Amino acid sequence: MRYRRLVRPEVGELVFETSVLSVDDSDGLSLFVLSPADDASARGVEQLLRDFTR
C-alpha cells in the first residue's frame, strides 16, 4: 500500500491511501484513486468539500 500526504492550510495534513487500477485493453491507461487513510483525513476532505460548495 502506498500513501500520499498533502498539506492544506485550511485543514492541515491529509493522508491518502493510493490505488492504481489498470484499464483492460488500453495502452498503459491507469486510474489513480485516493482514499482518506484515517478519520482526521476524511474529516479534512469533508471540510474542504463544504468550503468548496459555498
C-alpha atoms as a PDB file:
ATOM      1  CA  MET A   1       0.000   0.000   0.000  1.00  0.00           C
ATOM      2  CA  ARG A   2       1.285   3.459  -0.854  1.00  0.00           C
ATOM      3  CA  TYR A   3       0.355   6.681   0.878  1.00  0.00           C
ATOM      4  CA  ARG A   4       0.272  10.303  -0.225  1.00  0.00           C
ATOM      5  CA  ARG A   5       0.411  13.213   2.171  1.00  0.00           C
ATOM      6  CA  LEU A   6      -0.971  16.630   1.315  1.00  0.00           C
ATOM      7  CA  VAL A   7      -0.967  19.718   3.473  1.00  0.00           C
ATOM      8  CA  ARG A   8      -3.787  22.212   3.062  1.00  0.00           C
ATOM      9  CA  PRO A   9      -3.660  25.405   5.120  1.00  0.00           C
ATOM     10  CA  GLU A  10      -7.405  25.198   5.754  1.00  0.00           C
ATOM     11  CA  VAL A  11      -7.390  21.722   7.327  1.00  0.00           C
ATOM     12  CA  GLY A  12      -3.766  20.658   7.873  1.00  0.00           C
ATOM     13  CA  GLU A  13      -2.230  17.367   6.796  1.00  0.00           C
ATOM     14  CA  LEU A  14      -4.321  14.883   4.814  1.00  0.00           C
ATOM     15  CA  VAL A  15      -3.141  11.292   4.365  1.00  0.00           C
ATOM     16  CA  PHE A  16      -4.458   9.178   1.492  1.00  0.00           C
ATOM     17  CA  GLU A  17      -4.106   5.529   0.538  1.00  0.00           C
ATOM     18  CA  THR A  18      -3.442   5.232  -3.162  1.00  0.00           C
ATOM     19  CA  SER A  19      -4.728   2.566  -5.504  1.00  0.00           C
ATOM     20  CA  VAL A  20      -3.775   2.213  -9.153  1.00  0.00           C
ATOM     21  CA  LEU A  21      -6.156   0.356 -11.430  1.00  0.00           C
ATOM     22  CA  SER A  22      -5.175  -0.725 -14.938  1.00  0.00           C
ATOM     23  CA  VAL A  23      -7.714  -0.322 -17.705  1.00  0.00           C
ATOM     24  CA  ASP A  24      -8.031  -3.503 -19.750  1.00  0.00           C
ATOM     25  CA  ASP A  25      -7.296  -3.326 -23.469  1.00  0.00           C
ATOM     26  CA  SER A  26      -5.733   0.123 -23.189  1.00  0.00           C
ATOM     27  CA  ASP A  27      -2.243   1.279 -23.986  1.00  0.00           C
ATOM     28  CA  GLY A  28      -0.951   1.998 -20.482  1.00  0.00           C
ATOM     29  CA  LEU A  29      -4.086   3.763 -19.254  1.00  0.00           C
ATOM     30  CA  SER A  30      -4.487   3.716 -15.454  1.00  0.00           C
ATOM     31  CA  LEU A  31      -6.903   5.135 -12.906  1.00  0.00           C
ATOM     32  CA  PHE A  32      -5.479   6.534  -9.670  1.00  0.00           C
ATOM     33  CA  VAL A  33      -7.789   6.527  -6.643  1.00  0.00           C
ATOM     34  CA  LEU A  34      -7.027   8.422  -3.428  1.00  0.00           C
ATOM     35  CA  SER A  35      -8.945   7.384  -0.289  1.00  0.00           C
ATOM     36  CA  PRO A  36      -8.599   9.063   3.106  1.00  0.00           C
ATOM     37  CA  ALA A  37      -6.334   6.860   5.244  1.00  0.00           C
ATOM     38  CA  ASP A  38      -7.756   7.905   8.615  1.00  0.00           C
ATOM     39  CA  ASP A  39     -10.700   9.678  10.246  1.00  0.00           C
ATOM     40  CA  ALA A  40      -8.884  13.018  10.509  1.00  0.00           C
ATOM     41  CA  SER A  41      -8.144  12.988   6.779  1.00  0.00           C
ATOM     42  CA  ALA A  42     -11.753  12.073   5.965  1.00  0.00           C
ATOM     43  CA  ARG A  43     -12.995  14.991   8.084  1.00  0.00           C
ATOM     44  CA  GLY A  44     -10.497  17.298   6.357  1.00  0.00           C
ATOM     45  CA  VAL A  45     -11.754  16.259   2.926  1.00  0.00           C
ATOM     46  CA  GLU A  46     -15.358  16.795   4.035  1.00  0.00           C
ATOM     47  CA  GLN A  47     -14.449  20.284   5.291  1.00  0.00           C
ATOM     48  CA  LEU A  48     -12.727  21.174   2.013  1.00  0.00           C
ATOM     49  CA  LEU A  49     -15.780  19.985   0.061  1.00  0.00           C
ATOM     50  CA  ARG A  50     -18.128  22.036   2.248  1.00  0.00           C
ATOM     51  CA  ASP A  51     -15.961  25.125   1.746  1.00  0.00           C
ATOM     52  CA  PHE A  52     -15.742  24.493  -1.996  1.00  0.00           C
ATOM     53  CA  THR A  53     -19.522  24.266  -2.471  1.00  0.00           C
ATOM     54  CA  ARG A  54     -20.314  27.508  -0.659  1.00  0.00           C
END
